[in-house]
Amino acid sequence: MNEQNFKSLNELIATYQQGRKFFKTTKKNYKLNYEEVLILNYLYNCKENEVTAKEIAQYSELKPYYLTKALQKLIKMDFLNKKRSNIDERTVVVYINQAQRDKINELIENLQEQF
């Protein structure tokens, strides 16, 4: 993720408060928390329909527990699927079909309209 340089503590606090308000609204309206939106945004920006859980973890810097919990919820909400790699059974592959990509695109575009 890109690192933001703030000019003052006030700017950082104001940005943080805006983020908290955004995710409170997102949780209320879409039943999605920060971690889940972060994962969906990553998939939205990916050209591929398959990525490893490790790639998502590196991008998001989420701890394994939070990543696993978020992926499970997103699977239940039919935003994505996961499977084990055919090459290496230890690798978890997150994948989406076209209907799921459309659903993610619509959600992210709706969220972006809030800005």
N, C-alpha and C. Protein backbone atom coordinates (compact mmCIF):
# COMPACT_ATOMS: atom_id res chain seq x y z
N MET A 1 0.84 -1.18 0.00
CA MET A 1 0.00 0.00 0.00
C MET A 1 0.88 1.24 0.00
N ASN A 2 0.34 2.29 -0.55
CA ASN A 2 1.08 3.54 -0.58
C ASN A 2 1.11 4.18 0.79
N GLU A 3 2.28 4.72 1.14
CA GLU A 3 2.41 5.41 2.41
C GLU A 3 2.08 6.87 2.21
N GLN A 4 1.26 7.40 3.10
CA GLN A 4 0.83 8.79 3.01
C GLN A 4 1.68 9.63 3.95
N ASN A 5 2.18 10.74 3.45
CA ASN A 5 2.93 11.67 4.30
C ASN A 5 2.01 12.80 4.71
N PHE A 6 1.80 12.93 6.00
CA PHE A 6 0.94 13.98 6.51
C PHE A 6 1.78 15.17 6.93
N LYS A 7 1.24 16.35 6.74
CA LYS A 7 1.96 17.57 7.08
C LYS A 7 1.85 17.91 8.56
N SER A 8 0.82 17.36 9.22
CA SER A 8 0.64 17.65 10.64
C SER A 8 -0.15 16.54 11.30
N LEU A 9 -0.09 16.53 12.62
CA LEU A 9 -0.87 15.57 13.39
C LEU A 9 -2.36 15.83 13.18
N ASN A 10 -2.75 17.08 13.07
CA ASN A 10 -4.15 17.42 12.83
C ASN A 10 -4.65 16.81 11.52
N GLU A 11 -3.82 16.86 10.49
CA GLU A 11 -4.20 16.28 9.19
C GLU A 11 -4.37 14.76 9.31
N LEU A 12 -3.46 14.12 10.04
CA LEU A 12 -3.56 12.68 10.25
C LEU A 12 -4.84 12.34 11.01
N ILE A 13 -5.13 13.06 12.06
CA ILE A 13 -6.32 12.80 12.87
C ILE A 13 -7.59 13.02 12.06
N ALA A 14 -7.63 14.09 11.27
CA ALA A 14 -8.81 14.37 10.44
C ALA A 14 -9.03 13.24 9.43
N THR A 15 -7.95 12.77 8.81
CA THR A 15 -8.05 11.67 7.84
C THR A 15 -8.51 10.39 8.52
N TYR A 16 -7.97 10.13 9.68
CA TYR A 16 -8.37 8.94 10.45
C TYR A 16 -9.86 8.99 10.79
N GLN A 17 -10.33 10.14 11.22
CA GLN A 17 -11.74 10.28 11.57
C GLN A 17 -12.64 10.09 10.35
N GLN A 18 -12.21 10.61 9.20
CA GLN A 18 -12.97 10.41 7.96
C GLN A 18 -13.04 8.93 7.62
N GLY A 19 -11.91 8.24 7.78
CA GLY A 19 -11.86 6.80 7.51
C GLY A 19 -12.78 6.02 8.44
N ARG A 20 -12.76 6.36 9.71
CA ARG A 20 -13.65 5.68 10.68
C ARG A 20 -15.11 5.89 10.31
N LYS A 21 -15.46 7.11 9.92
CA LYS A 21 -16.84 7.41 9.53
C LYS A 21 -17.23 6.61 8.27
N PHE A 22 -16.32 6.59 7.30
CA PHE A 22 -16.56 5.84 6.06
C PHE A 22 -16.82 4.36 6.36
N PHE A 23 -15.96 3.75 7.17
CA PHE A 23 -16.10 2.32 7.44
C PHE A 23 -17.28 2.01 8.36
N LYS A 24 -17.67 2.95 9.19
CA LYS A 24 -18.88 2.77 9.99
C LYS A 24 -20.10 2.71 9.07
N THR A 25 -20.14 3.61 8.10
CA THR A 25 -21.24 3.64 7.13
C THR A 25 -21.21 2.38 6.26
N THR A 26 -20.01 1.97 5.84
CA THR A 26 -19.86 0.77 5.02
C THR A 26 -20.33 -0.47 5.78
N LYS A 27 -20.00 -0.55 7.04
CA LYS A 27 -20.43 -1.68 7.87
C LYS A 27 -21.95 -1.70 7.98
N LYS A 28 -22.54 -0.53 8.17
CA LYS A 28 -24.00 -0.44 8.32
C LYS A 28 -24.72 -0.78 7.01
N ASN A 29 -24.26 -0.21 5.91
CA ASN A 29 -24.96 -0.34 4.63
C ASN A 29 -24.64 -1.63 3.87
N TYR A 30 -23.41 -2.12 3.99
CA TYR A 30 -22.98 -3.27 3.18
C TYR A 30 -22.57 -4.49 4.01
N LYS A 31 -22.53 -4.33 5.34
CA LYS A 31 -22.12 -5.42 6.24
C LYS A 31 -20.68 -5.85 5.98
N LEU A 32 -19.83 -4.88 5.61
CA LEU A 32 -18.42 -5.16 5.33
C LEU A 32 -17.55 -4.29 6.22
N ASN A 33 -16.49 -4.90 6.79
CA ASN A 33 -15.56 -4.13 7.60
C ASN A 33 -14.33 -3.73 6.79
N TYR A 34 -13.40 -3.08 7.45
CA TYR A 34 -12.20 -2.57 6.79
C TYR A 34 -11.45 -3.67 6.05
N GLU A 35 -11.18 -4.78 6.74
CA GLU A 35 -10.40 -5.86 6.14
C GLU A 35 -11.06 -6.41 4.89
N GLU A 36 -12.37 -6.56 4.93
CA GLU A 36 -13.11 -7.11 3.79
C GLU A 36 -13.10 -6.15 2.61
N VAL A 37 -13.28 -4.86 2.89
CA VAL A 37 -13.23 -3.86 1.81
C VAL A 37 -11.82 -3.80 1.22
N LEU A 38 -10.82 -3.91 2.07
CA LEU A 38 -9.43 -3.89 1.61
C LEU A 38 -9.17 -5.04 0.63
N ILE A 39 -9.64 -6.22 0.96
CA ILE A 39 -9.47 -7.39 0.09
C ILE A 39 -10.23 -7.20 -1.22
N LEU A 40 -11.47 -6.75 -1.13
CA LEU A 40 -12.27 -6.54 -2.35
C LEU A 40 -11.66 -5.47 -3.23
N ASN A 41 -11.13 -4.43 -2.62
CA ASN A 41 -10.48 -3.37 -3.40
C ASN A 41 -9.24 -3.91 -4.12
N TYR A 42 -8.50 -4.79 -3.45
CA TYR A 42 -7.34 -5.42 -4.08
C TYR A 42 -7.77 -6.23 -5.30
N LEU A 43 -8.83 -7.03 -5.14
CA LEU A 43 -9.33 -7.83 -6.26
C LEU A 43 -9.86 -6.94 -7.38
N TYR A 44 -10.50 -5.85 -7.02
CA TYR A 44 -11.02 -4.88 -7.99
C TYR A 44 -9.88 -4.35 -8.87
N ASN A 45 -8.73 -4.10 -8.26
CA ASN A 45 -7.59 -3.53 -8.99
C ASN A 45 -6.73 -4.58 -9.69
N CYS A 46 -6.97 -5.87 -9.43
CA CYS A 46 -6.21 -6.94 -10.08
C CYS A 46 -6.79 -7.23 -11.45
N LYS A 47 -5.93 -7.47 -12.39
CA LYS A 47 -6.38 -7.86 -13.73
C LYS A 47 -6.73 -9.35 -13.76
N GLU A 48 -6.03 -10.13 -12.93
CA GLU A 48 -6.26 -11.57 -12.90
C GLU A 48 -7.47 -11.90 -12.03
N ASN A 49 -8.05 -13.05 -12.31
CA ASN A 49 -9.17 -13.53 -11.50
C ASN A 49 -8.72 -14.53 -10.44
N GLU A 50 -7.42 -14.78 -10.36
CA GLU A 50 -6.85 -15.66 -9.35
C GLU A 50 -5.64 -15.00 -8.72
N VAL A 51 -5.59 -14.98 -7.40
CA VAL A 51 -4.42 -14.50 -6.66
C VAL A 51 -4.24 -15.41 -5.46
N THR A 52 -3.05 -15.45 -4.92
CA THR A 52 -2.84 -16.26 -3.73
C THR A 52 -3.20 -15.45 -2.49
N ALA A 53 -3.54 -16.17 -1.44
CA ALA A 53 -3.82 -15.50 -0.17
C ALA A 53 -2.56 -14.77 0.31
N LYS A 54 -1.40 -15.32 -0.03
CA LYS A 54 -0.14 -14.68 0.35
C LYS A 54 0.01 -13.31 -0.31
N GLU A 55 -0.38 -13.20 -1.58
CA GLU A 55 -0.33 -11.91 -2.27
C GLU A 55 -1.24 -10.89 -1.58
N ILE A 56 -2.42 -11.32 -1.20
CA ILE A 56 -3.35 -10.43 -0.51
C ILE A 56 -2.76 -10.03 0.84
N ALA A 57 -2.16 -10.98 1.54
CA ALA A 57 -1.56 -10.70 2.84
C ALA A 57 -0.42 -9.69 2.71
N GLN A 58 0.40 -9.83 1.68
CA GLN A 58 1.51 -8.89 1.48
C GLN A 58 0.99 -7.49 1.17
N TYR A 59 -0.04 -7.40 0.35
CA TYR A 59 -0.62 -6.11 0.00
C TYR A 59 -1.28 -5.46 1.22
N SER A 60 -2.07 -6.24 1.92
CA SER A 60 -2.91 -5.69 2.99
C SER A 60 -2.20 -5.56 4.33
N GLU A 61 -1.13 -6.34 4.52
CA GLU A 61 -0.43 -6.40 5.79
C GLU A 61 -1.35 -6.88 6.92
N LEU A 62 -2.37 -7.66 6.56
CA LEU A 62 -3.27 -8.22 7.56
C LEU A 62 -2.62 -9.44 8.21
N LYS A 63 -2.87 -9.61 9.49
CA LYS A 63 -2.40 -10.80 10.19
C LYS A 63 -3.21 -11.99 9.68
N PRO A 64 -2.61 -13.19 9.68
CA PRO A 64 -3.29 -14.36 9.12
C PRO A 64 -4.71 -14.58 9.67
N TYR A 65 -4.90 -14.38 10.97
CA TYR A 65 -6.23 -14.58 11.55
C TYR A 65 -7.26 -13.67 10.89
N TYR A 66 -6.94 -12.38 10.75
CA TYR A 66 -7.88 -11.43 10.17
C TYR A 66 -8.12 -11.72 8.69
N LEU A 67 -7.07 -12.12 7.99
CA LEU A 67 -7.22 -12.45 6.57
C LEU A 67 -8.13 -13.66 6.40
N THR A 68 -7.89 -14.71 7.17
CA THR A 68 -8.71 -15.92 7.08
C THR A 68 -10.17 -15.62 7.41
N LYS A 69 -10.39 -14.88 8.47
CA LYS A 69 -11.75 -14.53 8.89
C LYS A 69 -12.46 -13.72 7.80
N ALA A 70 -11.75 -12.74 7.22
CA ALA A 70 -12.34 -11.90 6.17
C ALA A 70 -12.63 -12.73 4.92
N LEU A 71 -11.70 -13.59 4.52
CA LEU A 71 -11.93 -14.43 3.34
C LEU A 71 -13.14 -15.34 3.54
N GLN A 72 -13.27 -15.93 4.72
CA GLN A 72 -14.42 -16.80 4.99
C GLN A 72 -15.74 -16.04 4.87
N LYS A 73 -15.78 -14.83 5.40
CA LYS A 73 -17.01 -14.04 5.30
C LYS A 73 -17.30 -13.67 3.85
N LEU A 74 -16.28 -13.29 3.10
CA LEU A 74 -16.48 -12.91 1.70
C LEU A 74 -16.92 -14.10 0.86
N ILE A 75 -16.47 -15.29 1.21
CA ILE A 75 -16.94 -16.51 0.53
C ILE A 75 -18.42 -16.71 0.82
N LYS A 76 -18.82 -16.56 2.09
CA LYS A 76 -20.23 -16.71 2.47
C LYS A 76 -21.11 -15.68 1.77
N MET A 77 -20.56 -14.50 1.52
CA MET A 77 -21.32 -13.43 0.86
C MET A 77 -21.25 -13.56 -0.67
N ASP A 78 -20.58 -14.62 -1.16
CA ASP A 78 -20.42 -14.92 -2.58
C ASP A 78 -19.68 -13.83 -3.36
N PHE A 79 -18.67 -13.23 -2.71
CA PHE A 79 -17.80 -12.30 -3.41
C PHE A 79 -16.61 -13.02 -4.04
N LEU A 80 -16.24 -14.18 -3.49
CA LEU A 80 -15.06 -14.89 -3.97
C LEU A 80 -15.13 -16.35 -3.56
N ASN A 81 -14.14 -17.10 -4.04
CA ASN A 81 -13.98 -18.52 -3.72
C ASN A 81 -12.52 -18.75 -3.38
N LYS A 82 -12.24 -19.89 -2.77
CA LYS A 82 -10.83 -20.24 -2.55
C LYS A 82 -10.64 -21.73 -2.75
N LYS A 83 -9.42 -22.09 -3.08
CA LYS A 83 -9.06 -23.49 -3.30
C LYS A 83 -7.58 -23.65 -2.99
N ARG A 84 -7.13 -24.86 -2.95
CA ARG A 84 -5.71 -25.16 -2.80
C ARG A 84 -5.06 -25.21 -4.18
N SER A 85 -3.84 -24.76 -4.26
CA SER A 85 -3.11 -24.79 -5.52
C SER A 85 -2.87 -26.23 -5.96
N ASN A 86 -2.95 -26.45 -7.26
CA ASN A 86 -2.64 -27.77 -7.82
C ASN A 86 -1.15 -28.05 -7.75
N ILE A 87 -0.35 -27.00 -7.75
CA ILE A 87 1.11 -27.14 -7.74
C ILE A 87 1.64 -27.37 -6.33
N ASP A 88 1.10 -26.61 -5.37
CA ASP A 88 1.57 -26.70 -3.99
C ASP A 88 0.36 -26.65 -3.06
N GLU A 89 0.05 -27.76 -2.43
CA GLU A 89 -1.13 -27.87 -1.57
C GLU A 89 -1.14 -26.86 -0.42
N ARG A 90 0.03 -26.33 -0.05
CA ARG A 90 0.09 -25.37 1.05
C ARG A 90 -0.41 -23.99 0.64
N THR A 91 -0.47 -23.74 -0.65
CA THR A 91 -0.86 -22.43 -1.17
C THR A 91 -2.37 -22.33 -1.34
N VAL A 92 -2.94 -21.27 -0.77
CA VAL A 92 -4.37 -21.00 -0.92
C VAL A 92 -4.55 -20.01 -2.06
N VAL A 93 -5.40 -20.37 -3.01
CA VAL A 93 -5.68 -19.51 -4.17
C VAL A 93 -7.08 -18.93 -4.00
N VAL A 94 -7.16 -17.61 -4.09
CA VAL A 94 -8.45 -16.91 -4.05
C VAL A 94 -8.81 -16.63 -5.50
N TYR A 95 -10.03 -16.99 -5.89
CA TYR A 95 -10.43 -16.77 -7.28
C TYR A 95 -11.86 -16.27 -7.36
N ILE A 96 -12.13 -15.56 -8.46
CA ILE A 96 -13.47 -15.02 -8.69
C ILE A 96 -13.92 -15.34 -10.10
N ASN A 97 -15.22 -15.55 -10.26
CA ASN A 97 -15.78 -15.73 -11.59
C ASN A 97 -16.29 -14.38 -12.10
N GLN A 98 -16.82 -14.34 -13.30
CA GLN A 98 -17.24 -13.06 -13.88
C GLN A 98 -18.37 -12.40 -13.09
N ALA A 99 -19.31 -13.20 -12.62
CA ALA A 99 -20.42 -12.64 -11.83
C ALA A 99 -19.90 -12.02 -10.53
N GLN A 100 -18.92 -12.68 -9.92
CA GLN A 100 -18.33 -12.13 -8.69
C GLN A 100 -17.52 -10.87 -8.99
N ARG A 101 -16.80 -10.88 -10.12
CA ARG A 101 -16.05 -9.68 -10.50
C ARG A 101 -17.03 -8.52 -10.70
N ASP A 102 -18.13 -8.77 -11.37
CA ASP A 102 -19.14 -7.71 -11.59
C ASP A 102 -19.68 -7.20 -10.26
N LYS A 103 -19.93 -8.12 -9.33
CA LYS A 103 -20.44 -7.75 -8.01
C LYS A 103 -19.42 -6.89 -7.25
N ILE A 104 -18.15 -7.27 -7.32
CA ILE A 104 -17.08 -6.50 -6.67
C ILE A 104 -16.96 -5.13 -7.31
N ASN A 105 -16.95 -5.09 -8.64
CA ASN A 105 -16.84 -3.81 -9.36
C ASN A 105 -17.96 -2.87 -8.97
N GLU A 106 -19.18 -3.38 -8.92
CA GLU A 106 -20.34 -2.55 -8.56
C GLU A 106 -20.20 -2.01 -7.14
N LEU A 107 -19.78 -2.86 -6.22
CA LEU A 107 -19.62 -2.44 -4.83
C LEU A 107 -18.56 -1.35 -4.70
N ILE A 108 -17.38 -1.59 -5.28
CA ILE A 108 -16.29 -0.63 -5.15
C ILE A 108 -16.67 0.69 -5.81
N GLU A 109 -17.31 0.63 -6.95
CA GLU A 109 -17.74 1.87 -7.62
C GLU A 109 -18.77 2.62 -6.77
N ASN A 110 -19.68 1.89 -6.11
CA ASN A 110 -20.63 2.53 -5.19
C ASN A 110 -19.91 3.17 -4.01
N LEU A 111 -18.92 2.48 -3.47
CA LEU A 111 -18.16 3.04 -2.35
C LEU A 111 -17.37 4.27 -2.78
N GLN A 112 -16.82 4.24 -4.00
CA GLN A 112 -16.04 5.38 -4.48
C GLN A 112 -16.90 6.61 -4.71
N GLU A 113 -18.18 6.41 -4.97
CA GLU A 113 -19.09 7.55 -5.17
C GLU A 113 -19.27 8.36 -3.89
N GLN A 114 -18.91 7.79 -2.76
CA GLN A 114 -19.04 8.49 -1.48
C GLN A 114 -17.98 9.58 -1.32
N PHE A 115 -17.00 9.60 -2.20
CA PHE A 115 -15.92 10.60 -2.07
C PHE A 115 -16.17 11.79 -2.97
